[in-house]
Amino acid sequence: MTVEETPETVAQALQHALVGEDLPDSFTLLGREWSLHRGVFPSTLSAATEVLASIVPYPSGGSFLEVGCGTGVISVTAALTGCTSVTALDINDKAVANTAANAERHGVSDRMRVLHSDMYAGLDPSDRFDVIFWNVPWTYVEDDFSLSTDLHSAVFDPGYRGQARYLAGAPEHLSDGGRLLLGTADLGDRERLDAIAAQSGMRVELLHRVRRIEEVRVMEYHLLELHAK
């Protein structure tokens, strides 16, 4: 099931994250304290980060890549959970700095690298990972929607072009037997995602469905895995 959310509603929350003077410079999540830089999507604005960080199958002893790392909660959790090598990417340079700060805060900088990157562009061609994950911007908007702020790319994916690039580029960076994962919600357009996956020669499997009561409604978060057909 897909639930619709207007871009206007999302934009109001983003505007607050950009200029809200009442926002703290840290937050508590998963029993840990995290730094929050202004201009980075707050990981507590919804339960998505908490839910997905708790159910992602981190490859203990392996390598983990997160696209769109934001504050770095999931990447740092991967390192704390036993991944020996974690790479975190974000197109927002403020998020890169925020993730690096949280890696240092939790003592995992030695096994993490944080890169400013548009999708996979910042990686070396030889980079391979046991798990690739992206908590995608699931709010669907049309192709001509203007991403006018750094935070827009955290929640809007016009025409799901970003997700198409994510799927198309992932095979080049997956290790043998590696897993390609995607976090989304019932606000996402699942039919469109399935069609994009099919174009890339993949099928979508629902691994987990988690329902959370939030301020306005019950949200349903999905962890998906992409498989070659």
Protein backbone atom coordinates (compact mmCIF):
# COMPACT_ATOMS: atom_id res chain seq x y z
CA MET A 1 0.00 0.00 0.00
CA THR A 2 1.19 3.52 -0.83
CA VAL A 3 0.16 6.47 1.34
CA GLU A 4 0.42 9.94 -0.16
CA GLU A 5 2.11 12.88 1.57
CA THR A 6 2.15 16.32 -0.02
CA PRO A 7 5.49 17.97 -0.83
CA GLU A 8 4.23 21.05 1.03
CA THR A 9 3.91 19.11 4.29
CA VAL A 10 7.43 17.75 3.95
CA ALA A 11 8.83 21.15 2.97
CA GLN A 12 7.54 22.68 6.21
CA ALA A 13 9.51 20.16 8.26
CA LEU A 14 12.62 20.79 6.16
CA GLN A 15 12.37 24.54 6.58
CA HIS A 16 12.33 24.07 10.33
CA ALA A 17 15.41 21.85 10.13
CA LEU A 18 17.19 24.58 8.17
CA VAL A 19 16.37 27.62 10.29
CA GLY A 20 14.62 26.47 13.48
CA GLU A 21 16.38 28.21 16.37
CA ASP A 22 14.92 25.72 18.86
CA LEU A 23 16.78 22.73 17.43
CA PRO A 24 19.43 21.27 19.76
CA ASP A 25 22.96 20.45 18.63
CA SER A 26 22.62 16.83 19.76
CA PHE A 27 20.00 14.11 20.15
CA THR A 28 19.57 10.69 21.77
CA LEU A 29 18.86 7.64 19.64
CA LEU A 30 19.45 3.91 20.14
CA GLY A 31 20.77 4.61 23.64
CA ARG A 32 23.55 6.90 22.38
CA GLU A 33 24.12 10.65 22.06
CA TRP A 34 24.65 12.04 18.56
CA SER A 35 25.81 15.39 17.24
CA LEU A 36 23.41 17.28 14.95
CA HIS A 37 24.68 19.95 12.58
CA ARG A 38 22.33 22.59 11.23
CA GLY A 39 21.40 21.92 7.61
CA VAL A 40 21.37 18.13 8.09
CA PHE A 41 18.13 16.15 8.15
CA PRO A 42 17.46 15.41 11.85
CA SER A 43 17.45 11.68 12.48
CA THR A 44 14.63 12.05 15.01
CA LEU A 45 12.24 13.92 12.71
CA SER A 46 10.67 10.53 12.01
CA ALA A 47 11.33 7.03 13.36
CA ALA A 48 12.90 5.92 10.08
CA THR A 49 16.53 6.08 11.19
CA GLU A 50 15.87 4.35 14.51
CA VAL A 51 13.80 1.59 12.90
CA LEU A 52 16.12 0.90 10.00
CA ALA A 53 19.30 1.12 12.07
CA SER A 54 17.81 -1.61 14.26
CA ILE A 55 16.95 -4.05 11.46
CA VAL A 56 19.64 -3.63 8.80
CA PRO A 57 21.64 -6.90 8.57
CA TYR A 58 25.12 -5.48 9.16
CA PRO A 59 27.85 -7.80 7.85
CA SER A 60 29.87 -8.48 11.01
CA GLY A 61 33.51 -8.69 10.01
CA GLY A 62 32.65 -7.36 6.55
CA SER A 63 32.32 -4.12 4.60
CA PHE A 64 29.31 -1.80 4.60
CA LEU A 65 28.42 1.12 2.33
CA GLU A 66 25.72 3.65 3.16
CA VAL A 67 24.49 6.07 0.51
CA GLY A 68 22.95 9.25 1.97
CA CYS A 69 24.42 8.94 5.46
CA GLY A 70 22.92 12.15 6.95
CA THR A 71 23.92 12.39 10.60
CA GLY A 72 25.75 9.08 10.35
CA VAL A 73 23.67 7.05 12.80
CA ILE A 74 23.39 3.98 10.58
CA SER A 75 27.00 4.01 9.36
CA VAL A 76 28.37 4.49 12.88
CA THR A 77 26.05 1.75 14.16
CA ALA A 78 27.41 -0.55 11.45
CA ALA A 79 30.94 0.08 12.70
CA LEU A 80 29.92 -0.40 16.33
CA THR A 81 28.12 -3.64 15.42
CA GLY A 82 31.24 -5.28 14.04
CA CYS A 83 31.76 -4.16 10.44
CA THR A 84 35.50 -3.86 9.88
CA SER A 85 35.14 -1.34 7.04
CA VAL A 86 32.38 1.26 6.67
CA THR A 87 32.05 3.86 3.92
CA ALA A 88 29.48 6.64 4.26
CA LEU A 89 28.49 8.85 1.32
CA ASP A 90 26.39 12.00 1.12
CA ILE A 91 25.82 14.71 -1.46
CA ASN A 92 25.36 17.28 1.33
CA ASP A 93 28.77 18.40 2.61
CA LYS A 94 27.17 19.34 5.95
CA ALA A 95 26.06 15.72 6.36
CA VAL A 96 29.58 14.52 5.56
CA ALA A 97 30.95 16.70 8.37
CA ASN A 98 28.14 15.57 10.71
CA THR A 99 28.82 11.87 10.06
CA ALA A 100 32.55 12.35 10.54
CA ALA A 101 31.88 14.10 13.86
CA ASN A 102 29.70 11.22 15.06
CA ALA A 103 32.26 8.65 13.95
CA GLU A 104 34.84 10.44 16.09
CA ARG A 105 32.37 10.85 18.95
CA HIS A 106 31.81 7.09 19.11
CA GLY A 107 35.40 6.03 18.51
CA VAL A 108 35.03 4.37 15.10
CA SER A 109 36.88 6.82 12.84
CA ASP A 110 39.62 4.24 12.36
CA ARG A 111 37.28 1.92 10.45
CA MET A 112 35.13 4.52 8.69
CA ARG A 113 35.67 6.80 5.75
CA VAL A 114 33.15 9.54 5.00
CA LEU A 115 33.03 10.97 1.48
CA HIS A 116 31.25 13.81 -0.25
CA SER A 117 29.71 11.98 -3.18
CA ASP A 118 26.85 12.16 -5.65
CA MET A 119 25.69 8.54 -5.42
CA TYR A 120 28.73 6.33 -6.16
CA ALA A 121 30.82 9.02 -7.89
CA GLY A 122 33.25 9.41 -4.97
CA LEU A 123 34.18 5.72 -4.88
CA ASP A 124 37.12 4.06 -6.58
CA PRO A 125 36.11 1.68 -9.38
CA SER A 126 37.64 -1.18 -7.40
CA ASP A 127 35.64 -0.55 -4.20
CA ARG A 128 33.45 -3.54 -3.27
CA PHE A 129 31.09 -4.01 -0.31
CA ASP A 130 29.32 -6.89 1.37
CA VAL A 131 26.23 -4.73 2.00
CA ILE A 132 25.09 -1.54 0.27
CA PHE A 133 22.24 0.36 1.92
CA TRP A 134 20.28 3.55 1.31
CA ASN A 135 17.45 4.94 3.43
CA VAL A 136 15.93 6.51 0.34
CA PRO A 137 14.06 9.82 0.04
CA TRP A 138 10.72 8.13 -0.45
CA THR A 139 8.43 11.17 -1.02
CA TYR A 140 7.62 10.98 -4.72
CA VAL A 141 7.60 14.20 -6.76
CA GLU A 142 7.56 14.68 -10.53
CA ASP A 143 10.70 14.98 -12.64
CA ASP A 144 10.50 18.77 -12.87
CA PHE A 145 10.45 19.32 -9.07
CA SER A 146 13.24 21.73 -8.07
CA LEU A 147 15.61 20.59 -5.32
CA SER A 148 16.21 24.10 -4.02
CA THR A 149 17.96 23.29 -0.71
CA ASP A 150 20.53 20.78 0.50
CA LEU A 151 17.86 19.07 2.60
CA HIS A 152 15.46 18.59 -0.31
CA SER A 153 17.57 15.69 -1.58
CA ALA A 154 17.10 13.98 1.80
CA VAL A 155 13.35 13.53 1.29
CA PHE A 156 12.54 14.18 -2.38
CA ASP A 157 13.60 12.00 -5.33
CA PRO A 158 12.08 13.53 -8.49
CA GLY A 159 10.80 10.76 -10.73
CA TYR A 160 12.75 8.32 -8.53
CA ARG A 161 15.75 9.06 -10.72
CA GLY A 162 18.04 8.71 -7.71
CA GLN A 163 16.73 5.26 -6.90
CA ALA A 164 17.17 4.24 -10.54
CA ARG A 165 20.84 5.35 -10.35
CA TYR A 166 21.26 3.53 -7.04
CA LEU A 167 20.09 0.24 -8.51
CA ALA A 168 21.92 0.62 -11.80
CA GLY A 169 25.28 1.44 -10.23
CA ALA A 170 25.24 -0.99 -7.30
CA PRO A 171 26.38 -4.17 -9.11
CA GLU A 172 29.74 -2.54 -9.87
CA HIS A 173 30.38 -2.13 -6.14
CA LEU A 174 28.92 -5.32 -4.65
CA SER A 175 31.29 -8.06 -3.60
CA ASP A 176 30.53 -11.64 -4.64
CA GLY A 177 27.42 -12.61 -2.71
CA GLY A 178 26.94 -9.01 -1.57
CA ARG A 179 23.51 -7.67 -0.60
CA LEU A 180 21.76 -4.57 -1.94
CA LEU A 181 19.27 -3.07 0.54
CA LEU A 182 16.86 -0.18 0.49
CA GLY A 183 14.92 1.44 3.33
CA THR A 184 11.61 3.11 2.55
CA ALA A 185 8.07 3.56 3.89
CA ASP A 186 4.46 3.24 2.88
CA LEU A 187 4.70 6.85 1.67
CA GLY A 188 6.87 5.60 -1.18
CA ASP A 189 5.61 4.61 -4.63
CA ARG A 190 6.23 0.86 -4.54
CA GLU A 191 4.83 0.21 -8.02
CA ARG A 192 7.25 2.71 -9.52
CA LEU A 193 10.15 1.20 -7.56
CA ASP A 194 9.24 -2.30 -8.78
CA ALA A 195 9.21 -1.03 -12.37
CA ILE A 196 12.63 0.64 -11.94
CA ALA A 197 14.03 -2.56 -10.43
CA ALA A 198 12.71 -4.60 -13.35
CA GLN A 199 14.43 -2.24 -15.79
CA SER A 200 17.70 -2.96 -13.97
CA GLY A 201 17.07 -6.71 -14.12
CA MET A 202 16.15 -6.95 -10.44
CA ARG A 203 13.24 -7.97 -8.26
CA VAL A 204 12.29 -6.49 -4.89
CA GLU A 205 11.86 -8.57 -1.73
CA LEU A 206 10.31 -7.20 1.46
CA LEU A 207 12.57 -8.28 4.35
CA HIS A 208 10.93 -6.40 7.22
CA ARG A 209 7.82 -4.32 7.82
CA VAL A 210 7.72 -2.21 11.00
CA ARG A 211 4.78 -0.07 12.09
CA ARG A 212 5.32 2.90 14.40
CA ILE A 213 2.82 5.30 15.93
CA GLU A 214 4.01 8.81 15.15
CA GLU A 215 2.63 12.28 15.82
CA VAL A 216 0.25 12.45 12.88
CA ARG A 217 -0.33 8.85 11.76
CA VAL A 218 0.86 5.27 11.93
CA MET A 219 3.94 4.97 9.73
CA GLU A 220 5.02 1.71 8.17
CA TYR A 221 8.72 1.33 7.43
CA HIS A 222 10.02 -1.24 4.96
CA LEU A 223 13.45 -2.81 4.56
CA LEU A 224 13.76 -4.16 1.02
CA GLU A 225 16.38 -6.31 -0.66
CA LEU A 226 17.09 -6.23 -4.39
CA HIS A 227 17.94 -9.47 -6.16
CA ALA A 228 19.05 -10.19 -9.69
CA LYS A 229 16.27 -11.88 -11.61
